[in-house]
Protein backbone atom coordinates (compact mmCIF):
# COMPACT_ATOMS: atom_id res chain seq x y z
CA MET A 1 -56.49 10.72 26.93
CA LYS A 2 -57.39 14.08 25.40
CA ASN A 3 -55.88 17.27 26.73
CA GLU A 4 -58.31 19.04 29.01
CA SER A 5 -59.28 22.56 28.13
CA VAL A 6 -57.98 25.02 30.71
CA ILE A 7 -59.36 28.48 31.31
CA LEU A 8 -56.44 30.71 32.16
CA THR A 9 -56.90 32.70 35.36
CA HIS A 10 -54.53 34.34 37.82
CA GLU A 11 -55.30 31.52 40.25
CA PHE A 12 -54.12 28.96 37.70
CA PHE A 13 -50.62 30.48 37.79
CA GLN A 14 -50.47 31.29 41.49
CA ASP A 15 -48.49 28.23 42.65
CA TYR A 16 -45.77 28.94 40.11
CA LEU A 17 -45.71 32.62 41.00
CA ASP A 18 -44.92 31.58 44.55
CA LYS A 19 -42.35 29.03 43.39
CA PHE A 20 -40.70 31.61 41.14
CA GLU A 21 -40.56 34.18 43.94
CA ARG A 22 -38.80 31.73 46.25
CA ARG A 23 -36.23 30.87 43.56
CA TYR A 24 -35.76 34.57 42.77
CA GLU A 25 -35.02 35.49 46.38
CA LYS A 26 -32.57 32.58 46.68
CA VAL A 27 -30.61 33.49 43.55
CA VAL A 28 -30.50 37.22 44.38
CA PHE A 29 -29.21 36.44 47.86
CA GLU A 30 -26.52 34.05 46.55
CA ARG A 31 -25.26 36.49 43.90
CA GLN A 32 -25.13 39.31 46.41
CA GLU A 33 -23.18 37.11 48.80
CA ASP A 34 -20.72 36.23 46.02
CA ASN A 35 -20.57 39.88 44.85
CA LYS A 36 -21.66 38.87 41.34
CA ILE A 37 -23.44 41.49 39.27
CA HIS A 38 -24.89 40.79 35.84
CA ASN A 39 -23.00 42.54 33.08
CA THR A 40 -24.98 40.98 30.24
CA VAL A 41 -26.81 44.20 29.29
CA GLU A 42 -23.63 46.21 28.77
CA TRP A 43 -21.99 43.26 27.06
CA GLY A 44 -24.97 42.70 24.76
CA ASN A 45 -24.97 46.39 23.81
CA TRP A 46 -21.23 46.15 23.13
CA VAL A 47 -21.77 43.21 20.79
CA TYR A 48 -24.69 44.93 19.05
CA GLU A 49 -22.76 48.16 18.47
CA SER A 50 -19.83 46.21 17.04
CA LEU A 51 -22.18 44.52 14.57
CA ILE A 52 -23.78 47.81 13.55
CA ASN A 53 -20.32 49.25 12.87
CA ASN A 54 -19.21 46.06 11.14
CA ASP A 55 -16.25 46.06 13.54
CA THR A 56 -15.16 42.42 13.68
CA GLU A 57 -12.17 43.21 15.88
CA GLU A 58 -14.41 44.75 18.53
CA MET A 59 -16.74 41.76 18.22
CA LEU A 60 -13.81 39.44 18.93
CA LYS A 61 -12.95 41.45 22.05
CA ALA A 62 -16.55 41.14 23.24
CA LEU A 63 -16.52 37.38 22.69
CA GLN A 64 -13.17 37.10 24.46
CA MET A 65 -14.86 38.53 27.52
CA ILE A 66 -16.88 35.32 27.81
CA LYS A 67 -13.67 33.52 28.67
CA ASP A 68 -12.13 36.28 30.81
CA ASN A 69 -14.56 38.28 32.92
CA TYR A 70 -18.17 37.48 32.26
CA GLN A 71 -20.98 37.08 34.78
CA PRO A 72 -24.16 36.17 32.89
CA GLY A 73 -25.80 34.29 35.71
CA ASN A 74 -26.55 30.60 35.90
CA LEU A 75 -28.89 29.65 33.06
CA SER A 76 -28.76 25.90 33.67
CA CYS A 77 -27.37 23.33 36.10
CA ASP A 78 -25.12 22.13 33.26
CA GLN A 79 -22.33 24.53 32.24
CA LEU A 80 -22.52 23.86 28.49
CA ARG A 81 -26.31 24.08 28.56
CA SER A 82 -26.03 27.38 30.42
CA ARG A 83 -23.70 28.79 27.76
CA LYS A 84 -26.01 27.53 25.01
CA ASN A 85 -28.92 29.36 26.60
CA LEU A 86 -26.78 32.49 26.76
CA ALA A 87 -25.78 32.24 23.10
CA ILE A 88 -29.37 31.59 22.01
CA SER A 89 -30.61 34.55 24.05
CA LEU A 90 -27.93 36.79 22.57
CA ILE A 91 -28.60 35.81 18.95
CA SER A 92 -32.38 36.10 19.41
CA ALA A 93 -32.11 39.52 21.04
CA ILE A 94 -29.72 40.93 18.44
CA ALA A 95 -31.74 39.58 15.51
CA ASN A 96 -34.90 41.20 16.91
CA LEU A 97 -33.11 44.47 17.67
CA ALA A 98 -31.71 44.61 14.14
CA ALA A 99 -35.15 43.94 12.67
CA ARG A 100 -36.81 46.46 15.01
CA ASP A 101 -34.24 49.15 14.20
CA ARG A 102 -34.65 48.41 10.48
CA LEU A 103 -30.96 47.74 10.01
CA VAL A 104 -31.49 44.56 8.01
CA GLU A 105 -34.15 42.71 6.04
CA ASN A 106 -36.37 40.93 8.57
CA GLU A 107 -36.64 37.57 6.86
CA LEU A 108 -32.90 37.28 6.28
CA VAL A 109 -31.84 38.10 9.84
CA LEU A 110 -34.48 35.81 11.36
CA ASN A 111 -33.26 32.98 9.14
CA VAL A 112 -29.73 33.60 10.41
CA ALA A 113 -31.01 33.46 13.99
CA ASP A 114 -32.85 30.18 13.35
CA ILE A 115 -29.78 28.54 11.80
CA CYS A 116 -27.42 29.81 14.49
CA ILE A 117 -29.70 28.59 17.28
CA ILE A 118 -29.90 25.10 15.76
CA MET A 119 -26.12 24.96 15.36
CA CYS A 120 -25.66 26.14 18.95
CA GLU A 121 -27.94 23.34 20.09
CA GLU A 122 -25.81 20.86 18.16
CA ALA A 123 -22.51 22.10 19.66
CA LYS A 124 -20.69 19.51 21.77
CA THR A 125 -18.04 21.77 23.36
CA ASN A 126 -17.69 25.35 24.57
CA ASP A 127 -15.27 26.16 21.75
CA GLU A 128 -17.67 24.79 19.13
CA LEU A 129 -20.48 26.83 20.68
CA LEU A 130 -18.35 29.96 20.56
CA LYS A 131 -17.59 29.35 16.88
CA CYS A 132 -21.31 28.94 16.13
CA THR A 133 -22.07 32.20 17.93
CA TYR A 134 -19.30 34.03 16.06
CA ALA A 135 -20.55 32.73 12.70
CA GLY A 136 -24.10 33.90 13.42
CA LEU A 137 -22.99 37.33 14.62
CA PHE A 138 -20.62 37.75 11.68
CA LYS A 139 -23.43 36.95 9.22
CA ILE A 140 -25.80 39.42 10.89
CA SER A 141 -23.13 42.11 10.72
CA SER A 142 -22.57 41.38 7.03
CA LEU A 143 -26.31 41.66 6.35
CA MET A 144 -26.40 44.98 8.20
CA LYS A 145 -23.50 46.32 6.14
CA ASP A 146 -25.08 45.16 2.89
CA TYR A 147 -28.44 46.68 3.82
CA ARG A 148 -26.83 49.98 4.83
CA GLU A 149 -24.93 50.29 1.56
CA ARG A 150 -28.03 49.80 -0.55
CA SER A 151 -30.36 52.77 -0.63
CA TYR A 152 -33.53 51.12 -1.82
CA HIS A 153 -36.56 52.81 -3.26
CA PRO A 154 -39.53 51.48 -1.23
CA ILE A 155 -40.95 49.73 -4.29
CA VAL A 156 -37.58 48.13 -5.02
CA ARG A 157 -37.26 46.86 -1.44
CA GLU A 158 -40.72 45.29 -1.53
CA CYS A 159 -40.01 43.88 -4.98
CA LYS A 160 -36.83 42.20 -3.74
CA ASP A 161 -38.68 40.78 -0.75
CA TYR A 162 -41.25 39.31 -3.14
CA VAL A 163 -38.56 37.77 -5.32
CA TYR A 164 -36.78 36.30 -2.31
CA GLN A 165 -39.97 34.65 -1.09
CA HIS A 166 -40.95 33.26 -4.50
CA LEU A 167 -37.69 32.01 -6.03
CA HIS A 168 -39.07 28.47 -5.99
CA ARG A 169 -41.99 29.51 -8.20
CA GLU A 170 -42.43 31.11 -11.59
CA ILE A 171 -42.15 34.86 -11.10
CA LYS A 172 -43.91 37.20 -13.48
CA ILE A 173 -43.39 40.95 -13.42
CA GLN A 174 -47.15 41.38 -13.78
CA ASP A 175 -47.70 39.39 -10.58
CA ILE A 176 -45.16 41.46 -8.64
CA ALA A 177 -46.70 44.68 -9.93
CA GLN A 178 -50.18 43.55 -8.95
CA PHE A 179 -48.91 42.59 -5.48
CA LEU A 180 -47.32 46.05 -5.07
CA ASN A 181 -50.33 47.82 -6.60
CA VAL A 182 -48.33 49.49 -9.37
CA THR A 183 -48.20 49.02 -13.12
CA PRO A 184 -45.64 46.60 -14.61
CA GLU A 185 -44.13 49.47 -16.58
CA HIS A 186 -43.67 51.63 -13.50
CA LEU A 187 -42.18 48.73 -11.55
CA SER A 188 -39.70 47.85 -14.31
CA ARG A 189 -38.69 51.46 -14.84
CA THR A 190 -38.25 52.15 -11.10
CA PHE A 191 -36.27 48.97 -10.53
CA HIS A 192 -33.92 49.58 -13.46
CA LYS A 193 -33.34 53.21 -12.43
CA SER A 194 -32.52 52.19 -8.86
CA GLU A 195 -30.47 49.05 -9.50
CA GLY A 196 -29.02 49.59 -12.97
CA ILE A 197 -30.30 46.19 -14.07
CA ALA A 198 -33.53 44.91 -15.58
CA LEU A 199 -35.88 43.21 -13.14
CA LYS A 200 -35.96 40.01 -15.21
CA GLN A 201 -32.18 39.85 -15.11
CA TYR A 202 -32.18 40.42 -11.36
CA ILE A 203 -34.60 37.53 -10.83
CA LEU A 204 -32.39 35.25 -12.93
CA ASN A 205 -29.27 36.34 -11.05
CA GLU A 206 -30.97 35.59 -7.73
CA ARG A 207 -31.93 32.11 -8.93
CA ILE A 208 -28.37 31.41 -10.01
CA GLN A 209 -26.98 32.67 -6.70
CA ARG A 210 -29.38 30.43 -4.80
CA ALA A 211 -28.41 27.54 -7.06
CA LYS A 212 -24.72 28.14 -6.31
CA ASN A 213 -25.42 28.03 -2.59
CA LEU A 214 -27.45 24.84 -2.89
CA LEU A 215 -24.77 23.18 -5.01
CA ARG A 216 -22.11 24.11 -2.51
CA TYR A 217 -23.87 23.58 0.79
CA SER A 218 -26.50 20.89 0.17
CA ASN A 219 -26.75 17.38 -1.21
CA TYR A 220 -29.71 18.12 -3.48
CA THR A 221 -29.22 16.80 -7.00
CA VAL A 222 -28.87 19.14 -9.96
CA THR A 223 -32.29 18.02 -11.16
CA GLU A 224 -33.89 18.76 -7.78
CA ILE A 225 -32.29 22.21 -7.68
CA ALA A 226 -33.41 22.97 -11.23
CA TYR A 227 -37.04 22.22 -10.48
CA TYR A 228 -36.94 23.80 -7.02
CA LEU A 229 -35.82 27.09 -8.57
CA ALA A 230 -38.55 26.90 -11.21
CA PHE A 231 -36.38 26.30 -14.28
CA SER A 232 -38.31 24.63 -17.09
CA SER A 233 -35.93 21.65 -17.17
CA PRO A 234 -32.55 20.49 -15.82
CA SER A 235 -31.00 21.11 -19.23
CA HIS A 236 -32.33 24.66 -19.31
CA PHE A 237 -30.94 25.19 -15.83
CA GLY A 238 -27.57 23.75 -16.88
CA ASN A 239 -27.31 25.98 -19.92
CA VAL A 240 -28.22 29.15 -18.00
CA PHE A 241 -25.90 28.25 -15.13
CA LYS A 242 -22.94 27.64 -17.44
CA THR A 243 -23.57 30.91 -19.25
CA LYS A 244 -23.63 32.82 -15.97
CA VAL A 245 -20.95 30.99 -13.98
CA GLY A 246 -18.69 29.55 -16.67
CA LYS A 247 -19.08 25.99 -15.36
CA THR A 248 -21.73 23.33 -15.45
CA PRO A 249 -23.60 22.79 -12.17
CA ASN A 250 -21.78 19.48 -11.59
CA ASN A 251 -18.35 20.97 -12.25
CA TYR A 252 -19.15 23.91 -9.97
CA ARG A 253 -20.10 21.52 -7.18
CA LYS A 254 -16.87 19.59 -7.59
CA SER A 255 -14.98 22.81 -6.89
CA PHE A 256 -15.95 22.56 -3.21
CA PRO A 257 -15.80 19.81 -0.60
CA TYR A 258 -19.10 18.47 0.62
CA LEU A 259 -20.05 19.76 4.03
CA SER A 260 -21.11 16.99 6.32
CA ASN A 261 -22.83 19.33 8.80
């Protein structure tokens, strides 16, 4: 049976508006009776400020409040589910605030939010959920700090965004320049002046860093990683990696335990 096309009107939503209003009045009455007042706004601002300041000690104090004196409201009939909803709301809000306030690169912080939300969903206990939340917040704070310490020329920032989004493809300076509507010479000169490194070298360094992460945190084979990162062959990848890191890809991977999750 095909889904019927529905024309959205105010009347279409009316029954749920009434249902929502009844639930709203019930919850407000119960919380007033129990003298429970939401403190999530102040708490969320506390967490956000601690991330902006890269103050991990203050962030720990804020998270400790979840266990001590926190009144977020009931977000589910199940306690763990309620806490998951809270964590997901917090991470989503902070990621969007950080992106809105231009304190971090949008794509990076949204990726952190996506990963953290999935890990929160997978959590089996309150402690595991708290650890997932801490890890996500810590990463966002680190990205903020890194972004703050780098004073990018606008062209350099857009260039780095382009490189980040195209690491799995061949990247030509001419293509980046065309995308940014500048000449290749101007792009190369501006990038080198700002970063103290040639653009080609930066692209290679980014590929190697991504390769290191994939070798450490994934089960992709060396061959798969080589082709994913647009190296001409696994042997070429191996030679470049060893020159940069001092180890072959396989030996580098053996330096770390495999992560099962």
